[in-house]
mmCIF file of all heavy atoms, coordinates in Angstrom:
data_MODEL
# 
_entry.id   MODEL 
# 
loop_
_atom_site.group_PDB 
_atom_site.id 
_atom_site.type_symbol 
_atom_site.label_atom_id 
_atom_site.label_alt_id 
_atom_site.label_comp_id 
_atom_site.label_asym_id 
_atom_site.label_entity_id 
_atom_site.label_seq_id 
_atom_site.pdbx_PDB_ins_code 
_atom_site.Cartn_x 
_atom_site.Cartn_y 
_atom_site.Cartn_z 
_atom_site.occupancy 
_atom_site.B_iso_or_equiv 
_atom_site.pdbx_formal_charge 
_atom_site.auth_seq_id 
_atom_site.auth_comp_id 
_atom_site.auth_asym_id 
_atom_site.auth_atom_id 
_atom_site.pdbx_PDB_model_num 
ATOM 1   N N   . ALA A 1 1  ? -8.655 16.009 -35.048 1.00 0.00 ? 1  ALA A N   1 
ATOM 2   C CA  . ALA A 1 1  ? -7.788 15.180 -34.213 1.00 0.00 ? 1  ALA A CA  1 
ATOM 3   C C   . ALA A 1 1  ? -6.714 16.001 -33.517 1.00 0.00 ? 1  ALA A C   1 
ATOM 4   O O   . ALA A 1 1  ? -6.267 17.030 -34.014 1.00 0.00 ? 1  ALA A O   1 
ATOM 5   C CB  . ALA A 1 1  ? -7.127 14.097 -35.051 1.00 0.00 ? 1  ALA A CB  1 
ATOM 6   N N   . GLU A 1 2  ? -6.282 15.506 -32.340 1.00 0.00 ? 2  GLU A N   1 
ATOM 7   C CA  . GLU A 1 2  ? -5.039 15.959 -31.745 1.00 0.00 ? 2  GLU A CA  1 
ATOM 8   C C   . GLU A 1 2  ? -3.957 15.045 -32.313 1.00 0.00 ? 2  GLU A C   1 
ATOM 9   O O   . GLU A 1 2  ? -4.038 13.819 -32.168 1.00 0.00 ? 2  GLU A O   1 
ATOM 10  C CB  . GLU A 1 2  ? -5.074 15.840 -30.221 1.00 0.00 ? 2  GLU A CB  1 
ATOM 11  C CG  . GLU A 1 2  ? -3.778 16.263 -29.555 1.00 0.00 ? 2  GLU A CG  1 
ATOM 12  C CD  . GLU A 1 2  ? -3.797 16.107 -28.037 1.00 0.00 ? 2  GLU A CD  1 
ATOM 13  O OE1 . GLU A 1 2  ? -4.902 15.941 -27.468 1.00 0.00 ? 2  GLU A OE1 1 
ATOM 14  O OE2 . GLU A 1 2  ? -2.706 16.132 -27.428 1.00 0.00 ? 2  GLU A OE2 1 
ATOM 15  N N   . VAL A 1 3  ? -2.963 15.611 -32.975 1.00 0.00 ? 3  VAL A N   1 
ATOM 16  C CA  . VAL A 1 3  ? -1.984 14.836 -33.731 1.00 0.00 ? 3  VAL A CA  1 
ATOM 17  C C   . VAL A 1 3  ? -0.595 15.042 -33.171 1.00 0.00 ? 3  VAL A C   1 
ATOM 18  O O   . VAL A 1 3  ? -0.162 16.179 -32.934 1.00 0.00 ? 3  VAL A O   1 
ATOM 19  C CB  . VAL A 1 3  ? -1.998 15.218 -35.232 1.00 0.00 ? 3  VAL A CB  1 
ATOM 20  C CG1 . VAL A 1 3  ? -1.002 14.367 -36.012 1.00 0.00 ? 3  VAL A CG1 1 
ATOM 21  C CG2 . VAL A 1 3  ? -3.402 15.071 -35.811 1.00 0.00 ? 3  VAL A CG2 1 
ATOM 22  N N   . SER A 1 4  ? 0.117  13.932 -32.967 1.00 0.00 ? 4  SER A N   1 
ATOM 23  C CA  . SER A 1 4  ? 1.535  14.006 -32.597 1.00 0.00 ? 4  SER A CA  1 
ATOM 24  C C   . SER A 1 4  ? 2.339  13.221 -33.625 1.00 0.00 ? 4  SER A C   1 
ATOM 25  O O   . SER A 1 4  ? 1.817  12.322 -34.279 1.00 0.00 ? 4  SER A O   1 
ATOM 26  C CB  . SER A 1 4  ? 1.778  13.447 -31.197 1.00 0.00 ? 4  SER A CB  1 
ATOM 27  O OG  . SER A 1 4  ? 1.539  12.056 -31.160 1.00 0.00 ? 4  SER A OG  1 
ATOM 28  N N   . ALA A 1 5  ? 3.624  13.578 -33.748 1.00 0.00 ? 5  ALA A N   1 
ATOM 29  C CA  . ALA A 1 5  ? 4.440  12.937 -34.775 1.00 0.00 ? 5  ALA A CA  1 
ATOM 30  C C   . ALA A 1 5  ? 5.897  12.828 -34.352 1.00 0.00 ? 5  ALA A C   1 
ATOM 31  O O   . ALA A 1 5  ? 6.447  13.745 -33.742 1.00 0.00 ? 5  ALA A O   1 
ATOM 32  C CB  . ALA A 1 5  ? 4.344  13.712 -36.086 1.00 0.00 ? 5  ALA A CB  1 
ATOM 33  N N   . ALA A 1 6  ? 6.490  11.679 -34.696 1.00 0.00 ? 6  ALA A N   1 
ATOM 34  C CA  . ALA A 1 6  ? 7.931  11.484 -34.575 1.00 0.00 ? 6  ALA A CA  1 
ATOM 35  C C   . ALA A 1 6  ? 8.402  10.875 -35.889 1.00 0.00 ? 6  ALA A C   1 
ATOM 36  O O   . ALA A 1 6  ? 7.606  10.369 -36.684 1.00 0.00 ? 6  ALA A O   1 
ATOM 37  C CB  . ALA A 1 6  ? 8.258  10.552 -33.408 1.00 0.00 ? 6  ALA A CB  1 
ATOM 38  N N   . ALA A 1 7  ? 9.709  10.918 -36.133 1.00 0.00 ? 7  ALA A N   1 
ATOM 39  C CA  . ALA A 1 7  ? 10.255 10.433 -37.385 1.00 0.00 ? 7  ALA A CA  1 
ATOM 40  C C   . ALA A 1 7  ? 10.383 8.924  -37.393 1.00 0.00 ? 7  ALA A C   1 
ATOM 41  O O   . ALA A 1 7  ? 10.693 8.310  -36.372 1.00 0.00 ? 7  ALA A O   1 
ATOM 42  C CB  . ALA A 1 7  ? 11.628 11.059 -37.644 1.00 0.00 ? 7  ALA A CB  1 
ATOM 43  N N   . SER A 1 8  ? 10.159 8.318  -38.553 1.00 0.00 ? 8  SER A N   1 
ATOM 44  C CA  . SER A 1 8  ? 10.366 6.876  -38.682 1.00 0.00 ? 8  SER A CA  1 
ATOM 45  C C   . SER A 1 8  ? 11.753 6.552  -39.205 1.00 0.00 ? 8  SER A C   1 
ATOM 46  O O   . SER A 1 8  ? 12.104 5.375  -39.315 1.00 0.00 ? 8  SER A O   1 
ATOM 47  C CB  . SER A 1 8  ? 9.312  6.250  -39.605 1.00 0.00 ? 8  SER A CB  1 
ATOM 48  O OG  . SER A 1 8  ? 9.404  6.790  -40.903 1.00 0.00 ? 8  SER A OG  1 
ATOM 49  N N   . ASN A 1 9  ? 12.523 7.568  -39.525 1.00 0.00 ? 9  ASN A N   1 
ATOM 50  C CA  . ASN A 1 9  ? 13.905 7.371  -39.973 1.00 0.00 ? 9  ASN A CA  1 
ATOM 51  C C   . ASN A 1 9  ? 14.694 8.651  -39.681 1.00 0.00 ? 9  ASN A C   1 
ATOM 52  O O   . ASN A 1 9  ? 14.239 9.733  -40.032 1.00 0.00 ? 9  ASN A O   1 
ATOM 53  C CB  . ASN A 1 9  ? 13.952 7.054  -41.471 1.00 0.00 ? 9  ASN A CB  1 
ATOM 54  C CG  . ASN A 1 9  ? 15.327 6.606  -41.921 1.00 0.00 ? 9  ASN A CG  1 
ATOM 55  O OD1 . ASN A 1 9  ? 16.263 7.398  -41.956 1.00 0.00 ? 9  ASN A OD1 1 
ATOM 56  N ND2 . ASN A 1 9  ? 15.453 5.344  -42.275 1.00 0.00 ? 9  ASN A ND2 1 
ATOM 57  N N   . PRO A 1 10 ? 15.868 8.532  -39.062 1.00 0.00 ? 10 PRO A N   1 
ATOM 58  C CA  . PRO A 1 10 ? 16.620 9.734  -38.669 1.00 0.00 ? 10 PRO A CA  1 
ATOM 59  C C   . PRO A 1 10 ? 17.059 10.611 -39.843 1.00 0.00 ? 10 PRO A C   1 
ATOM 60  O O   . PRO A 1 10 ? 17.273 11.818 -39.654 1.00 0.00 ? 10 PRO A O   1 
ATOM 61  C CB  . PRO A 1 10 ? 17.849 9.157  -37.949 1.00 0.00 ? 10 PRO A CB  1 
ATOM 62  C CG  . PRO A 1 10 ? 17.433 7.809  -37.479 1.00 0.00 ? 10 PRO A CG  1 
ATOM 63  C CD  . PRO A 1 10 ? 16.491 7.298  -38.533 1.00 0.00 ? 10 PRO A CD  1 
ATOM 64  N N   . LEU A 1 11 ? 17.194 10.026 -41.048 1.00 0.00 ? 11 LEU A N   1 
ATOM 65  C CA  . LEU A 1 11 ? 17.698 10.803 -42.176 1.00 0.00 ? 11 LEU A CA  1 
ATOM 66  C C   . LEU A 1 11 ? 16.627 11.229 -43.176 1.00 0.00 ? 11 LEU A C   1 
ATOM 67  O O   . LEU A 1 11 ? 16.946 11.855 -44.170 1.00 0.00 ? 11 LEU A O   1 
ATOM 68  C CB  . LEU A 1 11 ? 18.789 10.003 -42.915 1.00 0.00 ? 11 LEU A CB  1 
ATOM 69  C CG  . LEU A 1 11 ? 20.108 9.796  -42.161 1.00 0.00 ? 11 LEU A CG  1 
ATOM 70  C CD1 . LEU A 1 11 ? 21.120 9.074  -43.036 1.00 0.00 ? 11 LEU A CD1 1 
ATOM 71  C CD2 . LEU A 1 11 ? 20.688 11.134 -41.700 1.00 0.00 ? 11 LEU A CD2 1 
ATOM 72  N N   . SER A 1 12 ? 15.372 10.899 -42.916 1.00 0.00 ? 12 SER A N   1 
ATOM 73  C CA  . SER A 1 12 ? 14.321 11.306 -43.863 1.00 0.00 ? 12 SER A CA  1 
ATOM 74  C C   . SER A 1 12 ? 13.595 12.571 -43.432 1.00 0.00 ? 12 SER A C   1 
ATOM 75  O O   . SER A 1 12 ? 12.766 13.107 -44.176 1.00 0.00 ? 12 SER A O   1 
ATOM 76  C CB  . SER A 1 12 ? 13.305 10.167 -44.040 1.00 0.00 ? 12 SER A CB  1 
ATOM 77  O OG  . SER A 1 12 ? 12.652 9.876  -42.823 1.00 0.00 ? 12 SER A OG  1 
ATOM 78  N N   . THR A 1 13 ? 13.912 13.074 -42.248 1.00 0.00 ? 13 THR A N   1 
ATOM 79  C CA  . THR A 1 13 ? 13.233 14.278 -41.734 1.00 0.00 ? 13 THR A CA  1 
ATOM 80  C C   . THR A 1 13 ? 13.667 15.521 -42.491 1.00 0.00 ? 13 THR A C   1 
ATOM 81  O O   . THR A 1 13 ? 14.861 15.716 -42.760 1.00 0.00 ? 13 THR A O   1 
ATOM 82  C CB  . THR A 1 13 ? 13.554 14.446 -40.236 1.00 0.00 ? 13 THR A CB  1 
ATOM 83  O OG1 . THR A 1 13 ? 13.034 13.339 -39.523 1.00 0.00 ? 13 THR A OG1 1 
ATOM 84  C CG2 . THR A 1 13 ? 12.947 15.732 -39.686 1.00 0.00 ? 13 THR A CG2 1 
ATOM 85  N N   . GLN A 1 14 ? 12.701 16.368 -42.831 1.00 0.00 ? 14 GLN A N   1 
ATOM 86  C CA  . GLN A 1 14 ? 12.986 17.687 -43.418 1.00 0.00 ? 14 GLN A CA  1 
ATOM 87  C C   . GLN A 1 14 ? 12.698 18.726 -42.343 1.00 0.00 ? 14 GLN A C   1 
ATOM 88  O O   . GLN A 1 14 ? 11.553 18.924 -41.931 1.00 0.00 ? 14 GLN A O   1 
ATOM 89  C CB  . GLN A 1 14 ? 12.142 17.907 -44.673 1.00 0.00 ? 14 GLN A CB  1 
ATOM 90  C CG  . GLN A 1 14 ? 12.492 16.918 -45.785 1.00 0.00 ? 14 GLN A CG  1 
ATOM 91  C CD  . GLN A 1 14 ? 11.641 17.087 -47.028 1.00 0.00 ? 14 GLN A CD  1 
ATOM 92  O OE1 . GLN A 1 14 ? 10.696 17.885 -47.072 1.00 0.00 ? 14 GLN A OE1 1 
ATOM 93  N NE2 . GLN A 1 14 ? 11.955 16.317 -48.066 1.00 0.00 ? 14 GLN A NE2 1 
ATOM 94  N N   . ASP A 1 15 ? 13.746 19.391 -41.868 1.00 0.00 ? 15 ASP A N   1 
ATOM 95  C CA  . ASP A 1 15 ? 13.622 20.268 -40.707 1.00 0.00 ? 15 ASP A CA  1 
ATOM 96  C C   . ASP A 1 15 ? 12.657 21.431 -40.936 1.00 0.00 ? 15 ASP A C   1 
ATOM 97  O O   . ASP A 1 15 ? 11.967 21.855 -40.004 1.00 0.00 ? 15 ASP A O   1 
ATOM 98  C CB  . ASP A 1 15 ? 15.008 20.801 -40.306 1.00 0.00 ? 15 ASP A CB  1 
ATOM 99  C CG  . ASP A 1 15 ? 15.876 19.731 -39.672 1.00 0.00 ? 15 ASP A CG  1 
ATOM 100 O OD1 . ASP A 1 15 ? 15.355 18.940 -38.859 1.00 0.00 ? 15 ASP A OD1 1 
ATOM 101 O OD2 . ASP A 1 15 ? 17.076 19.665 -39.994 1.00 0.00 ? 15 ASP A OD2 1 
ATOM 102 N N   . ASP A 1 16 ? 12.603 21.952 -42.155 1.00 0.00 ? 16 ASP A N   1 
ATOM 103 C CA  . ASP A 1 16 ? 11.678 23.061 -42.412 1.00 0.00 ? 16 ASP A CA  1 
ATOM 104 C C   . ASP A 1 16 ? 10.223 22.602 -42.377 1.00 0.00 ? 16 ASP A C   1 
ATOM 105 O O   . ASP A 1 16 ? 9.344  23.311 -41.880 1.00 0.00 ? 16 ASP A O   1 
ATOM 106 C CB  . ASP A 1 16 ? 12.007 23.759 -43.732 1.00 0.00 ? 16 ASP A CB  1 
ATOM 107 C CG  . ASP A 1 16 ? 12.145 22.797 -44.910 1.00 0.00 ? 16 ASP A CG  1 
ATOM 108 O OD1 . ASP A 1 16 ? 11.996 21.574 -44.727 1.00 0.00 ? 16 ASP A OD1 1 
ATOM 109 O OD2 . ASP A 1 16 ? 12.430 23.277 -46.019 1.00 0.00 ? 16 ASP A OD2 1 
ATOM 110 N N   . VAL A 1 17 ? 9.978  21.372 -42.842 1.00 0.00 ? 17 VAL A N   1 
ATOM 111 C CA  . VAL A 1 17 ? 8.620  20.821 -42.804 1.00 0.00 ? 17 VAL A CA  1 
ATOM 112 C C   . VAL A 1 17 ? 8.195  20.557 -41.364 1.00 0.00 ? 17 VAL A C   1 
ATOM 113 O O   . VAL A 1 17 ? 7.052  20.848 -40.973 1.00 0.00 ? 17 VAL A O   1 
ATOM 114 C CB  . VAL A 1 17 ? 8.534  19.538 -43.645 1.00 0.00 ? 17 VAL A CB  1 
ATOM 115 C CG1 . VAL A 1 17 ? 7.209  18.831 -43.426 1.00 0.00 ? 17 VAL A CG1 1 
ATOM 116 C CG2 . VAL A 1 17 ? 8.724  19.867 -45.124 1.00 0.00 ? 17 VAL A CG2 1 
ATOM 117 N N   . VAL A 1 18 ? 9.117  20.035 -40.555 1.00 0.00 ? 18 VAL A N   1 
ATOM 118 C CA  . VAL A 1 18 ? 8.816  19.794 -39.140 1.00 0.00 ? 18 VAL A CA  1 
ATOM 119 C C   . VAL A 1 18 ? 8.476  21.110 -38.437 1.00 0.00 ? 18 VAL A C   1 
ATOM 120 O O   . VAL A 1 18 ? 7.534  21.183 -37.636 1.00 0.00 ? 18 VAL A O   1 
ATOM 121 C CB  . VAL A 1 18 ? 10.013 19.094 -38.457 1.00 0.00 ? 18 VAL A CB  1 
ATOM 122 C CG1 . VAL A 1 18 ? 9.796  19.024 -36.948 1.00 0.00 ? 18 VAL A CG1 1 
ATOM 123 C CG2 . VAL A 1 18 ? 10.193 17.690 -39.014 1.00 0.00 ? 18 VAL A CG2 1 
ATOM 124 N N   . ALA A 1 19 ? 9.236  22.162 -38.729 1.00 0.00 ? 19 ALA A N   1 
ATOM 125 C CA  . ALA A 1 19 ? 8.963  23.474 -38.149 1.00 0.00 ? 19 ALA A CA  1 
ATOM 126 C C   . ALA A 1 19 ? 7.568  23.970 -38.549 1.00 0.00 ? 19 ALA A C   1 
ATOM 127 O O   . ALA A 1 19 ? 6.832  24.532 -37.724 1.00 0.00 ? 19 ALA A O   1 
ATOM 128 C CB  . ALA A 1 19 ? 10.030 24.479 -38.570 1.00 0.00 ? 19 ALA A CB  1 
ATOM 129 N N   . ALA A 1 20 ? 7.196  23.733 -39.807 1.00 0.00 ? 20 ALA A N   1 
ATOM 130 C CA  . ALA A 1 20 ? 5.870  24.148 -40.274 1.00 0.00 ? 20 ALA A CA  1 
ATOM 131 C C   . ALA A 1 20 ? 4.763  23.377 -39.558 1.00 0.00 ? 20 ALA A C   1 
ATOM 132 O O   . ALA A 1 20 ? 3.724  23.945 -39.209 1.00 0.00 ? 20 ALA A O   1 
ATOM 133 C CB  . ALA A 1 20 ? 5.764  23.941 -41.784 1.00 0.00 ? 20 ALA A CB  1 
ATOM 134 N N   . LEU A 1 21 ? 4.988  22.104 -39.329 1.00 0.00 ? 21 LEU A N   1 
ATOM 135 C CA  . LEU A 1 21 ? 4.000  21.315 -38.587 1.00 0.00 ? 21 LEU A CA  1 
ATOM 136 C C   . LEU A 1 21 ? 3.829  21.843 -37.164 1.00 0.00 ? 21 LEU A C   1 
ATOM 137 O O   . LEU A 1 21 ? 2.709  21.967 -36.668 1.00 0.00 ? 21 LEU A O   1 
ATOM 138 C CB  . LEU A 1 21 ? 4.419  19.841 -38.558 1.00 0.00 ? 21 LEU A CB  1 
ATOM 139 C CG  . LEU A 1 21 ? 4.260  19.066 -39.855 1.00 0.00 ? 21 LEU A CG  1 
ATOM 140 C CD1 . LEU A 1 21 ? 4.936  17.706 -39.760 1.00 0.00 ? 21 LEU A CD1 1 
ATOM 141 C CD2 . LEU A 1 21 ? 2.766  18.901 -40.190 1.00 0.00 ? 21 LEU A CD2 1 
ATOM 142 N N   . ALA A 1 22 ? 4.952  22.146 -36.532 1.00 0.00 ? 22 ALA A N   1 
ATOM 143 C CA  . ALA A 1 22 ? 4.900  22.684 -35.165 1.00 0.00 ? 22 ALA A CA  1 
ATOM 144 C C   . ALA A 1 22 ? 4.131  24.004 -35.135 1.00 0.00 ? 22 ALA A C   1 
ATOM 145 O O   . ALA A 1 22 ? 3.302  24.238 -34.243 1.00 0.00 ? 22 ALA A O   1 
ATOM 146 C CB  . ALA A 1 22 ? 6.307  22.865 -34.622 1.00 0.00 ? 22 ALA A CB  1 
ATOM 147 N N   . LYS A 1 23 ? 4.408  24.840 -36.108 1.00 0.00 ? 23 LYS A N   1 
ATOM 148 C CA  . LYS A 1 23 ? 3.732  26.150 -36.177 1.00 0.00 ? 23 LYS A CA  1 
ATOM 149 C C   . LYS A 1 23 ? 2.226  25.991 -36.374 1.00 0.00 ? 23 LYS A C   1 
ATOM 150 O O   . LYS A 1 23 ? 1.437  26.824 -35.898 1.00 0.00 ? 23 LYS A O   1 
ATOM 151 C CB  . LYS A 1 23 ? 4.322  26.975 -37.320 1.00 0.00 ? 23 LYS A CB  1 
ATOM 152 C CG  . LYS A 1 23 ? 3.749  28.372 -37.441 1.00 0.00 ? 23 LYS A CG  1 
ATOM 153 C CD  . LYS A 1 23 ? 4.349  29.131 -38.602 1.00 0.00 ? 23 LYS A CD  1 
ATOM 154 C CE  . LYS A 1 23 ? 3.671  30.481 -38.802 1.00 0.00 ? 23 LYS A CE  1 
ATOM 155 N NZ  . LYS A 1 23 ? 4.212  31.191 -39.987 1.00 0.00 ? 23 LYS A NZ  1 
ATOM 156 N N   . ASN A 1 24 ? 1.828  24.908 -37.031 1.00 0.00 ? 24 ASN A N   1 
ATOM 157 C CA  . ASN A 1 24 ? 0.411  24.696 -37.343 1.00 0.00 ? 24 ASN A CA  1 
ATOM 158 C C   . ASN A 1 24 ? -0.283 23.738 -36.390 1.00 0.00 ? 24 ASN A C   1 
ATOM 159 O O   . ASN A 1 24 ? -1.331 23.180 -36.703 1.00 0.00 ? 24 ASN A O   1 
ATOM 160 C CB  . ASN A 1 24 ? 0.268  24.213 -38.791 1.00 0.00 ? 24 ASN A CB  1 
ATOM 161 C CG  . ASN A 1 24 ? 0.472  25.333 -39.802 1.00 0.00 ? 24 ASN A CG  1 
ATOM 162 O OD1 . ASN A 1 24 ? -0.461 26.067 -40.118 1.00 0.00 ? 24 ASN A OD1 1 
ATOM 163 N ND2 . ASN A 1 24 ? 1.695  25.473 -40.293 1.00 0.00 ? 24 ASN A ND2 1 
ATOM 164 N N   . GLY A 1 25 ? 0.321  23.527 -35.222 1.00 0.00 ? 25 GLY A N   1 
ATOM 165 C CA  . GLY A 1 25 ? -0.392 22.854 -34.140 1.00 0.00 ? 25 GLY A CA  1 
ATOM 166 C C   . GLY A 1 25 ? -0.224 21.358 -34.029 1.00 0.00 ? 25 GLY A C   1 
ATOM 167 O O   . GLY A 1 25 ? -0.880 20.722 -33.197 1.00 0.00 ? 25 GLY A O   1 
ATOM 168 N N   . VAL A 1 26 ? 0.670  20.766 -34.828 1.00 0.00 ? 26 VAL A N   1 
ATOM 169 C CA  . VAL A 1 26 ? 0.968  19.346 -34.666 1.00 0.00 ? 26 VAL A CA  1 
ATOM 170 C C   . VAL A 1 26 ? 2.066  19.210 -33.610 1.00 0.00 ? 26 VAL A C   1 
ATOM 171 O O   . VAL A 1 26 ? 3.065  19.931 -33.638 1.00 0.00 ? 26 VAL A O   1 
ATOM 172 C CB  . VAL A 1 26 ? 1.439  18.719 -36.001 1.00 0.00 ? 26 VAL A CB  1 
ATOM 173 C CG1 . VAL A 1 26 ? 1.884  17.270 -35.791 1.00 0.00 ? 26 VAL A CG1 1 
ATOM 174 C CG2 . VAL A 1 26 ? 0.324  18.789 -37.044 1.00 0.00 ? 26 VAL A CG2 1 
ATOM 175 N N   . LYS A 1 27 ? 1.888  18.314 -32.682 1.00 0.00 ? 27 LYS A N   1 
ATOM 176 C CA  . LYS A 1 27 ? 2.917  18.067 -31.665 1.00 0.00 ? 27 LYS A CA  1 
ATOM 177 C C   . LYS A 1 27 ? 3.980  17.170 -32.295 1.00 0.00 ? 27 LYS A C   1 
ATOM 178 O O   . LYS A 1 27 ? 3.788  15.961 -32.426 1.00 0.00 ? 27 LYS A O   1 
ATOM 179 C CB  . LYS A 1 27 ? 2.291  17.416 -30.433 1.00 0.00 ? 27 LYS A CB  1 
ATOM 180 C CG  . LYS A 1 27 ? 1.309  18.349 -29.720 1.00 0.00 ? 27 LYS A CG  1 
ATOM 181 C CD  . LYS A 1 27 ? 0.682  17.697 -28.500 1.00 0.00 ? 27 LYS A CD  1 
ATOM 182 C CE  . LYS A 1 27 ? -0.230 18.699 -27.784 1.00 0.00 ? 27 LYS A CE  1 
ATOM 183 N NZ  . LYS A 1 27 ? -0.897 18.102 -26.615 1.00 0.00 ? 27 LYS A NZ  1 
ATOM 184 N N   . VAL A 1 28 ? 5.083  17.786 -32.693 1.00 0.00 ? 28 VAL A N   1 
ATOM 185 C CA  . VAL A 1 28 ? 6.061  17.079 -33.505 1.00 0.00 ? 28 VAL A CA  1 
ATOM 186 C C   . VAL A 1 28 ? 7.435  17.118 -32.870 1.00 0.00 ? 28 VAL A C   1 
ATOM 187 O O   . VAL A 1 28 ? 7.870  18.148 -32.357 1.00 0.00 ? 28 VAL A O   1 
ATOM 188 C CB  . VAL A 1 28 ? 6.078  17.661 -34.949 1.00 0.00 ? 28 VAL A CB  1 
ATOM 189 C CG1 . VAL A 1 28 ? 6.440  19.132 -34.952 1.00 0.00 ? 28 VAL A CG1 1 
ATOM 190 C CG2 . VAL A 1 28 ? 6.991  16.869 -35.859 1.00 0.00 ? 28 VAL A CG2 1 
ATOM 191 N N   . TYR A 1 29 ? 8.120  15.978 -32.935 1.00 0.00 ? 29 TYR A N   1 
ATOM 192 C CA  . TYR A 1 29 ? 9.414  15.831 -32.274 1.00 0.00 ? 29 TYR A CA  1 
ATOM 193 C C   . TYR A 1 29 ? 10.360 15.106 -33.236 1.00 0.00 ? 29 TYR A C   1 
ATOM 194 O O   . TYR A 1 29 ? 10.339 13.868 -33.342 1.00 0.00 ? 29 TYR A O   1 
ATOM 195 C CB  . TYR A 1 29 ? 9.267  15.045 -30.977 1.00 0.00 ? 29 TYR A CB  1 
ATOM 196 C CG  . TYR A 1 29 ? 8.125  15.538 -30.109 1.00 0.00 ? 29 TYR A CG  1 
ATOM 197 C CD1 . TYR A 1 29 ? 6.852  14.965 -30.216 1.00 0.00 ? 29 TYR A CD1 1 
ATOM 198 C CD2 . TYR A 1 29 ? 8.301  16.600 -29.227 1.00 0.00 ? 29 TYR A CD2 1 
ATOM 199 C CE1 . TYR A 1 29 ? 5.792  15.430 -29.440 1.00 0.00 ? 29 TYR A CE1 1 
ATOM 200 C CE2 . TYR A 1 29 ? 7.250  17.065 -28.450 1.00 0.00 ? 29 TYR A CE2 1 
ATOM 201 C CZ  . TYR A 1 29 ? 6.000  16.486 -28.569 1.00 0.00 ? 29 TYR A CZ  1 
ATOM 202 O OH  . TYR A 1 29 ? 4.950  16.952 -27.806 1.00 0.00 ? 29 TYR A OH  1 
ATOM 203 N N   . ALA A 1 30 ? 11.176 15.854 -33.954 1.00 0.00 ? 30 ALA A N   1 
ATOM 204 C CA  . ALA A 1 30 ? 12.065 15.231 -34.928 1.00 0.00 ? 30 ALA A CA  1 
ATOM 205 C C   . ALA A 1 30 ? 13.113 16.228 -35.412 1.00 0.00 ? 30 ALA A C   1 
ATOM 206 O O   . ALA A 1 30 ? 12.805 17.414 -35.616 1.00 0.00 ? 30 ALA A O   1 
ATOM 207 C CB  . ALA A 1 30 ? 11.269 14.704 -36.128 1.00 0.00 ? 30 ALA A CB  1 
ATOM 208 N N   . ILE A 1 31 ? 14.321 15.745 -35.622 1.00 0.00 ? 31 ILE A N   1 
ATOM 209 C CA  . ILE A 1 31 ? 15.410 16.547 -36.165 1.00 0.00 ? 31 ILE A CA  1 
ATOM 210 C C   . ILE A 1 31 ? 16.192 15.659 -37.126 1.00 0.00 ? 31 ILE A C   1 
ATOM 211 O O   . ILE A 1 31 ? 16.494 14.510 -36.822 1.00 0.00 ? 31 ILE A O   1 
ATOM 212 C CB  . ILE A 1 31 ? 16.358 17.041 -35.044 1.00 0.00 ? 31 ILE A CB  1 
ATOM 213 C CG1 . ILE A 1 31 ? 15.601 17.951 -34.076 1.00 0.00 ? 31 ILE A CG1 1 
ATOM 214 C CG2 . ILE A 1 31 ? 17.554 17.775 -35.618 1.00 0.00 ? 31 ILE A CG2 1 
ATOM 215 C CD1 . ILE A 1 31 ? 16.365 18.237 -32.805 1.00 0.00 ? 31 ILE A CD1 1 
ATOM 216 N N   . ARG A 1 32 ? 16.479 16.166 -38.302 1.00 0.00 ? 32 ARG A N   1 
ATOM 217 C CA  . ARG A 1 32 ? 17.246 15.385 -39.261 1.00 0.00 ? 32 ARG A CA  1 
ATOM 218 C C   . ARG A 1 32 ? 18.592 14.997 -38.665 1.00 0.00 ? 32 ARG A C   1 
ATOM 219 O O   . ARG A 1 32 ? 19.311 15.818 -38.124 1.00 0.00 ? 32 ARG A O   1 
ATOM 220 C CB  . ARG A 1 32 ? 17.444 16.169 -40.554 1.00 0.00 ? 32 ARG A CB  1 
ATOM 221 C CG  . ARG A 1 32 ? 18.161 15.363 -41.640 1.00 0.00 ? 32 ARG A CG  1 
ATOM 222 C CD  . ARG A 1 32 ? 18.290 16.129 -42.934 1.00 0.00 ? 32 ARG A CD  1 
ATOM 223 N NE  . ARG A 1 32 ? 18.996 15.354 -43.947 1.00 0.00 ? 32 ARG A NE  1 
ATOM 224 C CZ  . ARG A 1 32 ? 18.453 14.450 -44.749 1.00 0.00 ? 32 ARG A CZ  1 
ATOM 225 N NH1 . ARG A 1 32 ? 17.148 14.220 -44.661 1.00 0.00 ? 32 ARG A NH1 1 
ATOM 226 N NH2 . ARG A 1 32 ? 19.169 13.798 -45.641 1.00 0.00 ? 32 ARG A NH2 1 
# 
């Protein structure tokens, strides 16, 4: 799949995990 992701809650995002997703090809848009 081509996968994109945004956060479902502004305070549940883990910034290091989001960075890892971006590095591994997930189109991700989220900041804690």
